[in-house]
Amino acid sequence: MASLINSTTGSMPNKALMPMFNGRPDPVLQDAMKKVTPQQITKAKATATDFESMFLNTMFSQMTTGLKGEGPYGDTVGTGPWRSMLTDEYSKNFAKSGGVGISNEVFRSLILQQANKS
């Protein structure tokens, strides 16, 4: 699934006339995006990406908790902080690259909520 948030062409895939949801055009999101300001859209994109990054960081941290003695620091005092920073950077880069699709759903929900408020 192409990311709505992190694409280089804005919030719409190249061949679509409107944003996509589950592989189909999403007129509801298109109408909602007309009702909110560009600043709200930018903030919703950042919030959705940060949320996905936080989720991925938790997932990656759980994946590496059982590893002992691996990596450049071996089984030393520096292993914990190093691995923590590494998983944090992995999750941020993974989310920026499109992630696993959580940010798309969060972005859509945030925009629909903002449009309904105004």
C-alpha atoms as a PDB file:
ATOM      1  CA  MET A   1       0.000   0.000   0.000  1.00  0.00           C
ATOM      2  CA  ALA A   2       1.405   3.375  -0.950  1.00  0.00           C
ATOM      3  CA  SER A   3       1.694   5.820   1.874  1.00  0.00           C
ATOM      4  CA  LEU A   4      -0.633   8.816   1.776  1.00  0.00           C
ATOM      5  CA  ILE A   5       1.538  10.693   4.200  1.00  0.00           C
ATOM      6  CA  ASN A   6       5.089  10.189   3.030  1.00  0.00           C
ATOM      7  CA  SER A   7       4.695  10.211  -0.728  1.00  0.00           C
ATOM      8  CA  THR A   8       6.664  12.773  -2.673  1.00  0.00           C
ATOM      9  CA  THR A   9       3.568  13.774  -4.636  1.00  0.00           C
ATOM     10  CA  GLY A  10       1.560  15.015  -1.670  1.00  0.00           C
ATOM     11  CA  SER A  11      -1.411  13.146  -0.315  1.00  0.00           C
ATOM     12  CA  MET A  12      -2.515  11.513  -3.550  1.00  0.00           C
ATOM     13  CA  PRO A  13      -0.925   8.768  -5.663  1.00  0.00           C
ATOM     14  CA  ASN A  14       0.073   9.815  -9.198  1.00  0.00           C
ATOM     15  CA  LYS A  15      -2.740   8.010 -11.037  1.00  0.00           C
ATOM     16  CA  ALA A  16      -5.571   8.869  -8.648  1.00  0.00           C
ATOM     17  CA  LEU A  17      -7.828  11.887  -8.756  1.00  0.00           C
ATOM     18  CA  MET A  18      -8.433  11.646  -5.031  1.00  0.00           C
ATOM     19  CA  PRO A  19      -6.828  10.080  -1.937  1.00  0.00           C
ATOM     20  CA  MET A  20      -6.952   6.299  -1.739  1.00  0.00           C
ATOM     21  CA  PHE A  21      -8.349   4.165   1.098  1.00  0.00           C
ATOM     22  CA  ASN A  22      -7.785   0.404   1.031  1.00  0.00           C
ATOM     23  CA  GLY A  23      -6.798   0.629  -2.622  1.00  0.00           C
ATOM     24  CA  ARG A  24      -9.902   2.548  -3.664  1.00  0.00           C
ATOM     25  CA  PRO A  25     -10.627   6.240  -4.181  1.00  0.00           C
ATOM     26  CA  ASP A  26     -11.765   7.890  -0.951  1.00  0.00           C
ATOM     27  CA  PRO A  27     -14.222  10.729  -1.602  1.00  0.00           C
ATOM     28  CA  VAL A  28     -14.914  11.072   2.137  1.00  0.00           C
ATOM     29  CA  LEU A  29     -11.281  11.936   2.868  1.00  0.00           C
ATOM     30  CA  GLN A  30     -11.142  14.230  -0.156  1.00  0.00           C
ATOM     31  CA  ASP A  31     -14.141  16.210   1.093  1.00  0.00           C
ATOM     32  CA  ALA A  32     -12.738  16.310   4.629  1.00  0.00           C
ATOM     33  CA  MET A  33      -9.384  17.642   3.391  1.00  0.00           C
ATOM     34  CA  LYS A  34     -11.212  20.552   1.747  1.00  0.00           C
ATOM     35  CA  LYS A  35     -12.697  21.541   5.121  1.00  0.00           C
ATOM     36  CA  VAL A  36      -9.423  21.717   7.061  1.00  0.00           C
ATOM     37  CA  THR A  37      -6.515  24.123   6.738  1.00  0.00           C
ATOM     38  CA  PRO A  38      -3.157  23.141   5.238  1.00  0.00           C
ATOM     39  CA  GLN A  39      -1.626  23.627   8.700  1.00  0.00           C
ATOM     40  CA  GLN A  40      -4.035  21.073  10.150  1.00  0.00           C
ATOM     41  CA  ILE A  41      -3.153  18.622   7.377  1.00  0.00           C
ATOM     42  CA  THR A  42       0.578  19.111   8.016  1.00  0.00           C
ATOM     43  CA  LYS A  43       0.120  18.648  11.768  1.00  0.00           C
ATOM     44  CA  ALA A  44      -2.028  15.531  11.229  1.00  0.00           C
ATOM     45  CA  LYS A  45       0.647  14.033   8.944  1.00  0.00           C
ATOM     46  CA  ALA A  46       3.368  14.662  11.535  1.00  0.00           C
ATOM     47  CA  THR A  47       1.230  13.290  14.367  1.00  0.00           C
ATOM     48  CA  ALA A  48       0.324  10.158  12.398  1.00  0.00           C
ATOM     49  CA  THR A  49       3.963   9.506  11.458  1.00  0.00           C
ATOM     50  CA  ASP A  50       5.089  10.048  15.073  1.00  0.00           C
ATOM     51  CA  PHE A  51       2.402   7.640  16.293  1.00  0.00           C
ATOM     52  CA  GLU A  52       3.531   4.949  13.859  1.00  0.00           C
ATOM     53  CA  SER A  53       7.155   5.551  14.827  1.00  0.00           C
ATOM     54  CA  MET A  54       6.262   5.104  18.503  1.00  0.00           C
ATOM     55  CA  PHE A  55       4.394   1.864  17.744  1.00  0.00           C
ATOM     56  CA  LEU A  56       7.272   0.517  15.652  1.00  0.00           C
ATOM     57  CA  ASN A  57       9.786   1.463  18.368  1.00  0.00           C
ATOM     58  CA  THR A  58       7.805  -0.604  20.880  1.00  0.00           C
ATOM     59  CA  MET A  59       7.636  -3.503  18.425  1.00  0.00           C
ATOM     60  CA  PHE A  60      11.360  -3.367  17.591  1.00  0.00           C
ATOM     61  CA  SER A  61      12.263  -3.054  21.288  1.00  0.00           C
ATOM     62  CA  GLN A  62      10.292  -6.207  22.069  1.00  0.00           C
ATOM     63  CA  MET A  63      12.019  -8.026  19.231  1.00  0.00           C
ATOM     64  CA  THR A  64      15.476  -7.265  20.618  1.00  0.00           C
ATOM     65  CA  THR A  65      14.910  -7.717  24.381  1.00  0.00           C
ATOM     66  CA  GLY A  66      16.107 -11.315  24.407  1.00  0.00           C
ATOM     67  CA  LEU A  67      19.341 -10.671  22.510  1.00  0.00           C
ATOM     68  CA  LYS A  68      22.471 -10.901  24.641  1.00  0.00           C
ATOM     69  CA  GLY A  69      26.032 -10.276  23.587  1.00  0.00           C
ATOM     70  CA  GLU A  70      25.251  -9.241  20.027  1.00  0.00           C
ATOM     71  CA  GLY A  71      26.324  -6.077  18.233  1.00  0.00           C
ATOM     72  CA  PRO A  72      29.380  -3.872  18.479  1.00  0.00           C
ATOM     73  CA  TYR A  73      29.268  -3.560  22.282  1.00  0.00           C
ATOM     74  CA  GLY A  74      28.892  -7.237  23.080  1.00  0.00           C
ATOM     75  CA  ASP A  75      27.368  -7.866  26.500  1.00  0.00           C
ATOM     76  CA  THR A  76      28.528  -4.644  28.181  1.00  0.00           C
ATOM     77  CA  VAL A  77      26.846  -1.806  30.053  1.00  0.00           C
ATOM     78  CA  GLY A  78      26.566   0.177  26.791  1.00  0.00           C
ATOM     79  CA  THR A  79      24.486  -2.462  25.035  1.00  0.00           C
ATOM     80  CA  GLY A  80      21.139  -1.341  26.496  1.00  0.00           C
ATOM     81  CA  PRO A  81      21.360   2.376  25.631  1.00  0.00           C
ATOM     82  CA  TRP A  82      22.938   1.633  22.248  1.00  0.00           C
ATOM     83  CA  ARG A  83      20.196  -0.821  21.313  1.00  0.00           C
ATOM     84  CA  SER A  84      17.539   1.611  22.560  1.00  0.00           C
ATOM     85  CA  MET A  85      18.872   4.425  20.358  1.00  0.00           C
ATOM     86  CA  LEU A  86      19.244   2.039  17.419  1.00  0.00           C
ATOM     87  CA  THR A  87      15.644   0.814  17.612  1.00  0.00           C
ATOM     88  CA  ASP A  88      14.463   4.418  17.974  1.00  0.00           C
ATOM     89  CA  GLU A  89      16.253   5.428  14.766  1.00  0.00           C
ATOM     90  CA  TYR A  90      15.081   2.280  12.966  1.00  0.00           C
ATOM     91  CA  SER A  91      11.474   3.051  13.872  1.00  0.00           C
ATOM     92  CA  LYS A  92      11.707   6.715  12.799  1.00  0.00           C
ATOM     93  CA  ASN A  93      13.234   5.806   9.426  1.00  0.00           C
ATOM     94  CA  PHE A  94      10.814   2.943   8.898  1.00  0.00           C
ATOM     95  CA  ALA A  95       7.823   5.216   9.604  1.00  0.00           C
ATOM     96  CA  LYS A  96       9.180   7.970   7.311  1.00  0.00           C
ATOM     97  CA  SER A  97       9.531   5.436   4.502  1.00  0.00           C
ATOM     98  CA  GLY A  98       5.877   4.481   4.664  1.00  0.00           C
ATOM     99  CA  GLY A  99       5.911   2.124   7.626  1.00  0.00           C
ATOM    100  CA  VAL A 100       3.324  -0.589   7.912  1.00  0.00           C
ATOM    101  CA  GLY A 101       0.284   1.540   7.087  1.00  0.00           C
ATOM    102  CA  ILE A 102      -0.730   2.642  10.561  1.00  0.00           C
ATOM    103  CA  SER A 103       0.021   6.295   9.823  1.00  0.00           C
ATOM    104  CA  ASN A 104      -2.374   6.282   6.852  1.00  0.00           C
ATOM    105  CA  GLU A 105      -5.251   5.144   9.054  1.00  0.00           C
ATOM    106  CA  VAL A 106      -4.350   7.576  11.842  1.00  0.00           C
ATOM    107  CA  PHE A 107      -4.037  10.444   9.356  1.00  0.00           C
ATOM    108  CA  ARG A 108      -7.433   9.643   7.850  1.00  0.00           C
ATOM    109  CA  SER A 109      -9.057   9.488  11.290  1.00  0.00           C
ATOM    110  CA  LEU A 110      -7.491  12.770  12.402  1.00  0.00           C
ATOM    111  CA  ILE A 111      -8.566  14.616   9.254  1.00  0.00           C
ATOM    112  CA  LEU A 112     -12.121  13.270   9.465  1.00  0.00           C
ATOM    113  CA  GLN A 113     -12.343  14.325  13.127  1.00  0.00           C
ATOM    114  CA  GLN A 114     -10.995  17.811  12.352  1.00  0.00           C
ATOM    115  CA  ALA A 115     -13.412  18.217   9.429  1.00  0.00           C
ATOM    116  CA  ASN A 116     -16.354  17.218  11.616  1.00  0.00           C
ATOM    117  CA  LYS A 117     -15.360  19.790  14.260  1.00  0.00           C
ATOM    118  CA  SER A 118     -15.405  22.696  11.838  1.00  0.00           C
END
